[in-house]
Amino acid sequence: MSAIKKTIVLKVDCENPEREKITLAANVIREGGLVAFPTETVYGLGADALNPEAVRNIYLVKMRPPDNPIIVHVARKEDVYRLAAEVPESAEKLMSRFWPGPLTLVLRASDIVPRVTTGGLDTVAIRMPRHKVALALIEASGTPIAAPSANLAGRPSPTIAEHVIQDLYGKIDIILDAGPTNIGVESTVLDLTSNPPQILRPGGLTYEELRKVLGRVSIHPAAVSKKEFHIKHARSPGLKHKHYAPRAEMIVVEGEFNAIIRKVAELAEKYLGDGKKVGILATDESIRRYNIGIVKSMGSRSNLSSIAKNLFRLLRELDDEGVDVIIAEGVPQKGLGLAVMNRLRRAAGYNIIEAGS
């Protein structure tokens, strides 16, 4: 891929995307280029999903492992029937209920989907984003758009355009800046080729919501593991490779709330005593109980969506402030807490400490 000297950054109205800006970006997609764009979850790095060379450039620019599949984004449900070899009744039900939205469905891939897009697998991951800019771009491009998160592989996902600029400026054609994303963690990935359907990656749609519609839903052991889980063939991004990690060393402290606070404070004292610069990811309920280090609140334990929305931004902020160590409080694994804990554990490289009661 030839080096791009200047990336065009376009501010776009998130509610009423300007047609000329969308048309410019769509032309780039059709010509095989790369466009970063907002979704309701995180910013994605898009290319024509049916153009193998364009998708290869996503892997090159992100430095993404080639066996890590990329989610294909559509603007119409009809496209699913072109991309998937079969669409089960469960998929119909879920699309009717949750699309557009933060749910990715893994289905058997049709022959039109290049294997570079699927990470070499016979399945394809598809979703319809709930963001007017994303939908306008896909529609104007006239093709499904393959889009992983618009960051360097392994880094915290981007929730504002500035994060994309930090990682990818000068490497891609266009960044569409429509302000901060709404959810802040990626979509939930549900494998409909398994029985019962299995959550491969918890995300913006909760396990509880899926259970209400499907009845039986399982969760892949890697999605809730407290240690590295070895997988030969990952059917979803976020399962196999290092993800979401800040540059700083990171520790997640789990357990009962008061015990977590005591252990975080103890660890912070230890690292400060060793001459380290320490960042603490606290919650609204605990932030006043820390008087050392750089302390930031992820949000309220009674509103886990706020924590999901802030998580990646705060990891990047602490990196920007030059901390050596980040110590993060664990949160309850209910609702969006399941996705938050999945991201925290993976960001920390499963460096987890259990706080005693």
Protein backbone atom coordinates (compact mmCIF):
# COMPACT_ATOMS: atom_id res chain seq x y z
CA MET A 1 0.00 0.00 0.00
CA SER A 2 1.44 3.37 -0.98
CA ALA A 3 1.90 5.85 1.84
CA ILE A 4 -0.81 8.47 2.17
CA LYS A 5 0.71 11.85 2.94
CA LYS A 6 -2.40 13.53 4.24
CA THR A 7 -5.54 12.11 5.79
CA ILE A 8 -8.65 14.24 5.27
CA VAL A 9 -10.60 14.83 8.50
CA LEU A 10 -14.21 15.86 7.88
CA LYS A 11 -16.55 17.02 10.64
CA VAL A 12 -19.96 15.52 9.95
CA ASP A 13 -23.32 16.24 11.55
CA CYS A 14 -24.26 13.08 13.43
CA GLU A 15 -28.00 13.64 12.97
CA ASN A 16 -28.03 15.07 9.44
CA PRO A 17 -24.87 13.94 7.65
CA GLU A 18 -23.91 16.35 4.88
CA ARG A 19 -24.46 14.63 1.53
CA GLU A 20 -21.31 15.97 -0.15
CA LYS A 21 -19.08 14.69 2.69
CA ILE A 22 -20.73 11.26 2.66
CA THR A 23 -20.44 11.12 -1.15
CA LEU A 24 -16.72 11.93 -0.96
CA ALA A 25 -16.12 9.17 1.59
CA ALA A 26 -18.30 6.69 -0.33
CA ASN A 27 -16.27 7.31 -3.48
CA VAL A 28 -13.12 6.44 -1.54
CA ILE A 29 -14.71 3.17 -0.36
CA ARG A 30 -15.77 2.26 -3.92
CA GLU A 31 -12.24 2.99 -5.18
CA GLY A 32 -10.71 0.60 -2.65
CA GLY A 33 -9.64 3.17 -0.05
CA LEU A 34 -10.00 3.32 3.73
CA VAL A 35 -12.45 5.52 5.66
CA ALA A 36 -12.78 5.77 9.44
CA PHE A 37 -16.36 6.44 10.49
CA PRO A 38 -18.43 6.56 13.68
CA THR A 39 -20.88 3.91 14.81
CA GLU A 40 -22.90 3.84 18.01
CA THR A 41 -20.28 1.56 19.60
CA VAL A 42 -16.79 2.74 18.53
CA TYR A 43 -15.23 4.25 15.40
CA GLY A 44 -14.68 1.73 12.62
CA LEU A 45 -12.08 1.55 9.85
CA GLY A 46 -14.03 0.78 6.70
CA ALA A 47 -13.29 -0.74 3.31
CA ASP A 48 -15.36 -2.46 0.63
CA ALA A 49 -16.03 -5.85 2.23
CA LEU A 50 -16.14 -7.55 -1.18
CA ASN A 51 -12.80 -6.12 -2.37
CA PRO A 52 -10.03 -8.43 -1.10
CA GLU A 53 -7.23 -5.92 -1.73
CA ALA A 54 -9.05 -3.14 0.13
CA VAL A 55 -9.68 -5.44 3.11
CA ARG A 56 -6.02 -6.53 3.07
CA ASN A 57 -5.10 -2.88 3.48
CA ILE A 58 -7.17 -2.74 6.70
CA TYR A 59 -4.99 -5.52 8.11
CA LEU A 60 -1.80 -3.79 6.97
CA VAL A 61 -2.70 -0.36 8.34
CA LYS A 62 -3.92 -1.69 11.69
CA MET A 63 -1.11 -4.29 11.90
CA ARG A 64 -3.92 -6.75 12.57
CA PRO A 65 -3.27 -10.52 12.61
CA PRO A 66 -4.68 -12.04 9.38
CA ASP A 67 -6.69 -14.72 11.21
CA ASN A 68 -8.73 -12.10 13.10
CA PRO A 69 -12.08 -11.84 11.25
CA ILE A 70 -13.60 -8.46 10.39
CA ILE A 71 -17.25 -7.56 10.94
CA VAL A 72 -19.20 -6.66 7.80
CA HIS A 73 -21.56 -3.68 8.16
CA VAL A 74 -24.76 -3.40 6.14
CA ALA A 75 -27.45 -0.75 5.77
CA ARG A 76 -30.24 -3.11 4.62
CA LYS A 77 -31.36 -6.48 5.95
CA GLU A 78 -31.59 -7.69 2.32
CA ASP A 79 -27.79 -7.68 2.13
CA VAL A 80 -27.60 -10.39 4.77
CA TYR A 81 -29.12 -12.86 2.28
CA ARG A 82 -26.30 -12.12 -0.18
CA LEU A 83 -23.54 -12.42 2.41
CA ALA A 84 -24.81 -15.50 4.26
CA ALA A 85 -25.27 -18.96 2.79
CA GLU A 86 -28.26 -19.48 5.08
CA VAL A 87 -30.24 -17.22 7.38
CA PRO A 88 -31.93 -19.16 10.21
CA GLU A 89 -35.21 -18.13 11.80
CA SER A 90 -33.32 -17.02 14.92
CA ALA A 91 -31.42 -14.48 12.80
CA GLU A 92 -34.69 -13.12 11.38
CA LYS A 93 -36.04 -12.71 14.89
CA LEU A 94 -32.92 -10.96 16.16
CA MET A 95 -32.63 -8.63 13.17
CA SER A 96 -36.26 -7.59 13.60
CA ARG A 97 -35.78 -6.92 17.30
CA PHE A 98 -32.26 -5.45 17.59
CA TRP A 99 -31.20 -4.02 14.21
CA PRO A 100 -29.98 -1.43 13.66
CA GLY A 101 -27.99 -1.83 16.86
CA PRO A 102 -24.92 -3.23 18.63
CA LEU A 103 -25.48 -6.89 17.70
CA THR A 104 -23.27 -8.83 15.27
CA LEU A 105 -24.52 -12.17 13.94
CA VAL A 106 -22.13 -14.92 12.87
CA LEU A 107 -23.57 -16.95 9.97
CA ARG A 108 -22.28 -19.33 7.31
CA ALA A 109 -20.62 -17.21 4.63
CA SER A 110 -21.75 -17.19 1.01
CA ASP A 111 -19.26 -17.49 -1.83
CA ILE A 112 -19.26 -13.74 -2.51
CA VAL A 113 -17.49 -12.93 0.78
CA PRO A 114 -13.69 -12.97 0.36
CA ARG A 115 -11.92 -15.20 2.86
CA VAL A 116 -9.61 -12.31 3.79
CA THR A 117 -12.72 -10.59 5.21
CA THR A 118 -13.67 -13.64 7.28
CA GLY A 119 -10.15 -14.25 8.58
CA GLY A 120 -10.01 -17.46 6.54
CA LEU A 121 -13.16 -18.90 8.11
CA ASP A 122 -16.32 -20.29 6.49
CA THR A 123 -18.43 -17.91 8.59
CA VAL A 124 -19.12 -14.20 8.25
CA ALA A 125 -19.93 -11.70 11.03
CA ILE A 126 -22.57 -9.13 10.04
CA ARG A 127 -24.21 -6.16 11.72
CA MET A 128 -26.29 -3.07 10.95
CA PRO A 129 -24.99 -0.09 12.96
CA ARG A 130 -27.36 2.33 14.69
CA HIS A 131 -25.68 5.55 13.55
CA LYS A 132 -26.90 7.87 10.81
CA VAL A 133 -23.41 8.61 9.50
CA ALA A 134 -22.50 4.93 9.29
CA LEU A 135 -25.75 4.00 7.56
CA ALA A 136 -25.46 6.90 5.12
CA LEU A 137 -21.90 5.89 4.23
CA ILE A 138 -22.80 2.23 3.63
CA GLU A 139 -25.85 3.19 1.57
CA ALA A 140 -23.92 5.70 -0.56
CA SER A 141 -21.03 3.24 -1.08
CA GLY A 142 -23.41 0.68 -2.56
CA THR A 143 -21.47 -2.17 -0.93
CA PRO A 144 -21.21 -3.80 2.49
CA ILE A 145 -18.37 -2.26 4.49
CA ALA A 146 -15.85 -4.37 6.41
CA ALA A 147 -14.87 -2.43 9.51
CA PRO A 148 -12.93 -3.39 12.62
CA SER A 149 -12.24 -0.68 15.20
CA ALA A 150 -10.25 2.25 13.77
CA ASN A 151 -7.15 1.86 15.92
CA LEU A 152 -3.81 0.10 15.81
CA ALA A 153 -4.27 -3.57 16.70
CA GLY A 154 -4.16 -4.19 20.43
CA ARG A 155 -4.78 -0.57 21.46
CA PRO A 156 -7.91 0.73 23.24
CA SER A 157 -10.72 1.17 20.75
CA PRO A 158 -11.48 4.73 19.54
CA THR A 159 -14.59 6.47 20.85
CA ILE A 160 -13.76 9.92 19.45
CA ALA A 161 -12.14 10.93 16.16
CA GLU A 162 -9.05 12.19 18.01
CA HIS A 163 -8.25 8.58 18.99
CA VAL A 164 -8.35 7.60 15.31
CA ILE A 165 -6.09 10.52 14.44
CA GLN A 166 -3.59 9.43 17.13
CA ASP A 167 -3.33 5.91 15.69
CA LEU A 168 -4.01 6.18 11.96
CA TYR A 169 -3.47 9.74 10.68
CA GLY A 170 -1.38 9.66 7.51
CA LYS A 171 -2.21 5.99 6.93
CA ILE A 172 -5.84 6.19 5.75
CA ASP A 173 -7.80 8.36 3.33
CA ILE A 174 -10.61 9.96 5.33
CA ILE A 175 -11.77 10.26 8.96
CA LEU A 176 -15.43 11.21 9.42
CA ASP A 177 -15.67 13.01 12.75
CA ALA A 178 -19.21 13.02 14.15
CA GLY A 179 -18.29 13.44 17.82
CA PRO A 180 -18.16 10.82 20.59
CA THR A 181 -19.76 7.42 20.19
CA ASN A 182 -22.75 6.58 22.36
CA ILE A 183 -22.10 3.09 23.74
CA GLY A 184 -18.30 3.00 23.97
CA VAL A 185 -17.71 -0.76 23.75
CA GLU A 186 -17.98 -2.84 20.61
CA SER A 187 -21.02 -4.82 19.50
CA THR A 188 -22.02 -8.14 21.03
CA VAL A 189 -21.03 -10.98 18.70
CA LEU A 190 -23.47 -13.90 18.66
CA ASP A 191 -22.62 -17.14 16.84
CA LEU A 192 -25.78 -18.55 15.26
CA THR A 193 -23.91 -21.51 13.77
CA SER A 194 -23.75 -23.12 17.22
CA ASN A 195 -26.58 -24.65 19.23
CA PRO A 196 -27.56 -22.96 21.45
CA PRO A 197 -26.45 -19.61 20.01
CA GLN A 198 -23.23 -18.51 21.70
CA ILE A 199 -21.96 -15.07 22.68
CA LEU A 200 -18.39 -14.90 21.41
CA ARG A 201 -17.81 -11.32 22.52
CA PRO A 202 -20.02 -9.52 25.05
CA GLY A 203 -20.75 -5.95 24.00
CA GLY A 204 -23.37 -3.26 23.65
CA LEU A 205 -26.32 -5.66 23.68
CA THR A 206 -26.60 -7.61 26.91
CA TYR A 207 -26.84 -11.34 27.54
CA GLU A 208 -30.08 -10.71 29.42
CA GLU A 209 -31.68 -9.01 26.40
CA LEU A 210 -30.69 -11.88 24.12
CA ARG A 211 -32.08 -14.44 26.57
CA LYS A 212 -35.47 -12.72 26.48
CA VAL A 213 -35.70 -13.27 22.73
CA LEU A 214 -33.94 -16.60 22.24
CA GLY A 215 -34.45 -18.39 25.55
CA ARG A 216 -31.20 -20.37 25.56
CA VAL A 217 -27.94 -18.52 24.97
CA SER A 218 -24.47 -19.68 26.00
CA ILE A 219 -21.34 -17.61 26.54
CA HIS A 220 -17.98 -18.67 25.12
CA PRO A 221 -15.61 -19.52 28.01
CA ALA A 222 -12.99 -17.10 26.61
CA ALA A 223 -15.44 -14.21 26.94
CA VAL A 224 -15.62 -14.57 30.72
CA SER A 225 -12.22 -16.11 31.42
CA LYS A 226 -9.90 -14.69 34.07
CA LYS A 227 -6.85 -16.09 32.30
CA GLU A 228 -5.61 -16.31 28.73
CA PHE A 229 -7.72 -18.75 26.76
CA HIS A 230 -6.06 -20.48 23.80
CA ILE A 231 -8.22 -20.66 20.68
CA LYS A 232 -7.12 -22.11 17.36
CA HIS A 233 -9.76 -20.53 15.11
CA ALA A 234 -11.55 -17.44 16.44
CA ARG A 235 -15.00 -16.84 14.90
CA SER A 236 -15.06 -13.33 16.35
CA PRO A 237 -12.75 -10.38 16.89
CA GLY A 238 -11.88 -9.86 20.53
CA LEU A 239 -11.56 -13.59 21.24
CA LYS A 240 -8.04 -14.62 20.38
CA HIS A 241 -5.56 -11.77 20.08
CA LYS A 242 -4.40 -9.05 22.46
CA HIS A 243 -6.97 -6.25 22.56
CA TYR A 244 -7.83 -2.93 24.18
CA ALA A 245 -4.46 -2.55 25.95
CA PRO A 246 -2.95 0.74 27.14
CA ARG A 247 0.83 1.24 26.97
CA ALA A 248 1.02 1.23 30.77
CA GLU A 249 1.12 -1.92 32.84
CA MET A 250 -2.43 -2.65 34.00
CA ILE A 251 -4.00 -4.50 36.92
CA VAL A 252 -7.67 -5.28 37.53
CA VAL A 253 -8.78 -5.77 41.13
CA GLU A 254 -11.90 -7.89 41.59
CA GLY A 255 -13.96 -8.89 44.61
CA GLU A 256 -16.25 -7.29 47.17
CA PHE A 257 -16.54 -3.50 46.80
CA ASN A 258 -14.83 -2.37 50.03
CA ALA A 259 -12.15 -5.02 49.66
CA ILE A 260 -11.46 -3.77 46.12
CA ILE A 261 -10.95 -0.22 47.42
CA ARG A 262 -8.53 -1.37 50.12
CA LYS A 263 -6.51 -3.47 47.66
CA VAL A 264 -6.38 -0.73 45.00
CA ALA A 265 -5.10 1.77 47.60
CA GLU A 266 -2.54 -0.75 48.86
CA LEU A 267 -1.26 -1.47 45.34
CA ALA A 268 -1.11 2.24 44.52
CA GLU A 269 1.00 2.89 47.65
CA LYS A 270 3.35 0.06 46.69
CA TYR A 271 3.90 1.26 43.12
CA LEU A 272 4.29 4.88 44.20
CA GLY A 273 6.86 3.73 46.72
CA ASP A 274 8.73 2.07 43.84
CA GLY A 275 8.84 5.42 42.05
CA LYS A 276 6.09 4.61 39.56
CA LYS A 277 3.48 7.04 38.28
CA VAL A 278 0.10 5.46 39.10
CA GLY A 279 -3.32 5.88 37.52
CA ILE A 280 -6.47 4.58 39.23
CA LEU A 281 -9.71 3.77 37.41
CA ALA A 282 -12.28 4.19 40.17
CA THR A 283 -16.07 4.57 40.12
CA ASP A 284 -18.33 7.42 41.27
CA GLU A 285 -18.97 5.54 44.50
CA SER A 286 -15.27 5.15 45.38
CA ILE A 287 -13.38 8.05 43.84
CA ARG A 288 -13.26 10.14 47.04
CA ARG A 289 -11.65 7.27 48.93
CA TYR A 290 -8.39 7.55 47.03
CA ASN A 291 -5.95 10.35 47.81
CA ILE A 292 -2.93 9.19 45.81
CA GLY A 293 -2.12 8.81 42.15
CA ILE A 294 -4.10 10.13 39.18
CA VAL A 295 -7.66 9.07 39.91
CA LYS A 296 -10.43 9.01 37.29
CA SER A 297 -13.99 7.75 37.62
CA MET A 298 -15.26 5.38 34.94
CA GLY A 299 -18.85 6.15 35.98
CA SER A 300 -21.40 4.81 38.43
CA ARG A 301 -21.75 1.20 39.50
CA SER A 302 -25.50 1.73 39.33
CA ASN A 303 -25.21 2.85 35.68
CA LEU A 304 -22.86 0.44 33.94
CA SER A 305 -23.58 2.03 30.56
CA SER A 306 -21.70 5.12 31.77
CA ILE A 307 -18.69 2.96 32.60
CA ALA A 308 -18.81 1.27 29.19
CA LYS A 309 -18.97 4.66 27.47
CA ASN A 310 -15.95 6.09 29.32
CA LEU A 311 -13.63 3.09 29.59
CA PHE A 312 -11.53 3.29 26.41
CA ARG A 313 -11.28 7.10 26.57
CA LEU A 314 -9.90 6.93 30.12
CA LEU A 315 -7.33 4.26 29.25
CA ARG A 316 -6.02 6.55 26.51
CA GLU A 317 -6.08 9.60 28.81
CA LEU A 318 -3.97 7.82 31.42
CA ASP A 319 -1.51 6.80 28.71
CA ASP A 320 -1.36 10.42 27.55
CA GLU A 321 -0.60 11.49 31.14
CA GLY A 322 2.36 9.12 31.18
CA VAL A 323 1.37 6.75 33.96
CA ASP A 324 3.46 3.62 34.42
CA VAL A 325 0.73 1.53 36.03
CA ILE A 326 -3.07 1.58 35.79
CA ILE A 327 -5.03 -0.06 38.61
CA ALA A 328 -8.69 -0.59 37.74
CA GLU A 329 -11.63 -1.55 39.93
CA GLY A 330 -13.68 -4.52 38.76
CA VAL A 331 -17.44 -4.04 38.39
CA PRO A 332 -20.43 -6.43 38.62
CA GLN A 333 -20.79 -8.74 35.60
CA LYS A 334 -24.45 -8.01 34.97
CA GLY A 335 -25.87 -6.16 31.99
CA LEU A 336 -23.13 -4.12 30.31
CA GLY A 337 -20.80 -5.06 33.18
CA LEU A 338 -20.11 -8.33 31.35
CA ALA A 339 -18.66 -6.41 28.39
CA VAL A 340 -16.79 -3.99 30.67
CA MET A 341 -15.10 -6.80 32.60
CA ASN A 342 -14.23 -8.61 29.37
CA ARG A 343 -12.46 -5.44 28.14
CA LEU A 344 -10.75 -4.71 31.47
CA ARG A 345 -9.38 -8.23 31.83
CA ARG A 346 -8.10 -8.35 28.27
CA ALA A 347 -6.67 -4.81 28.50
CA ALA A 348 -4.74 -5.93 31.58
CA GLY A 349 -3.48 -9.07 29.87
CA TYR A 350 -5.38 -11.02 32.58
CA ASN A 351 -3.26 -9.40 35.29
CA ILE A 352 -6.05 -9.85 37.85
CA ILE A 353 -5.86 -9.62 41.63
CA GLU A 354 -8.66 -10.96 43.81
CA ALA A 355 -9.29 -8.71 46.79
CA GLY A 356 -9.97 -10.54 50.05
CA SER A 357 -13.18 -9.72 51.93
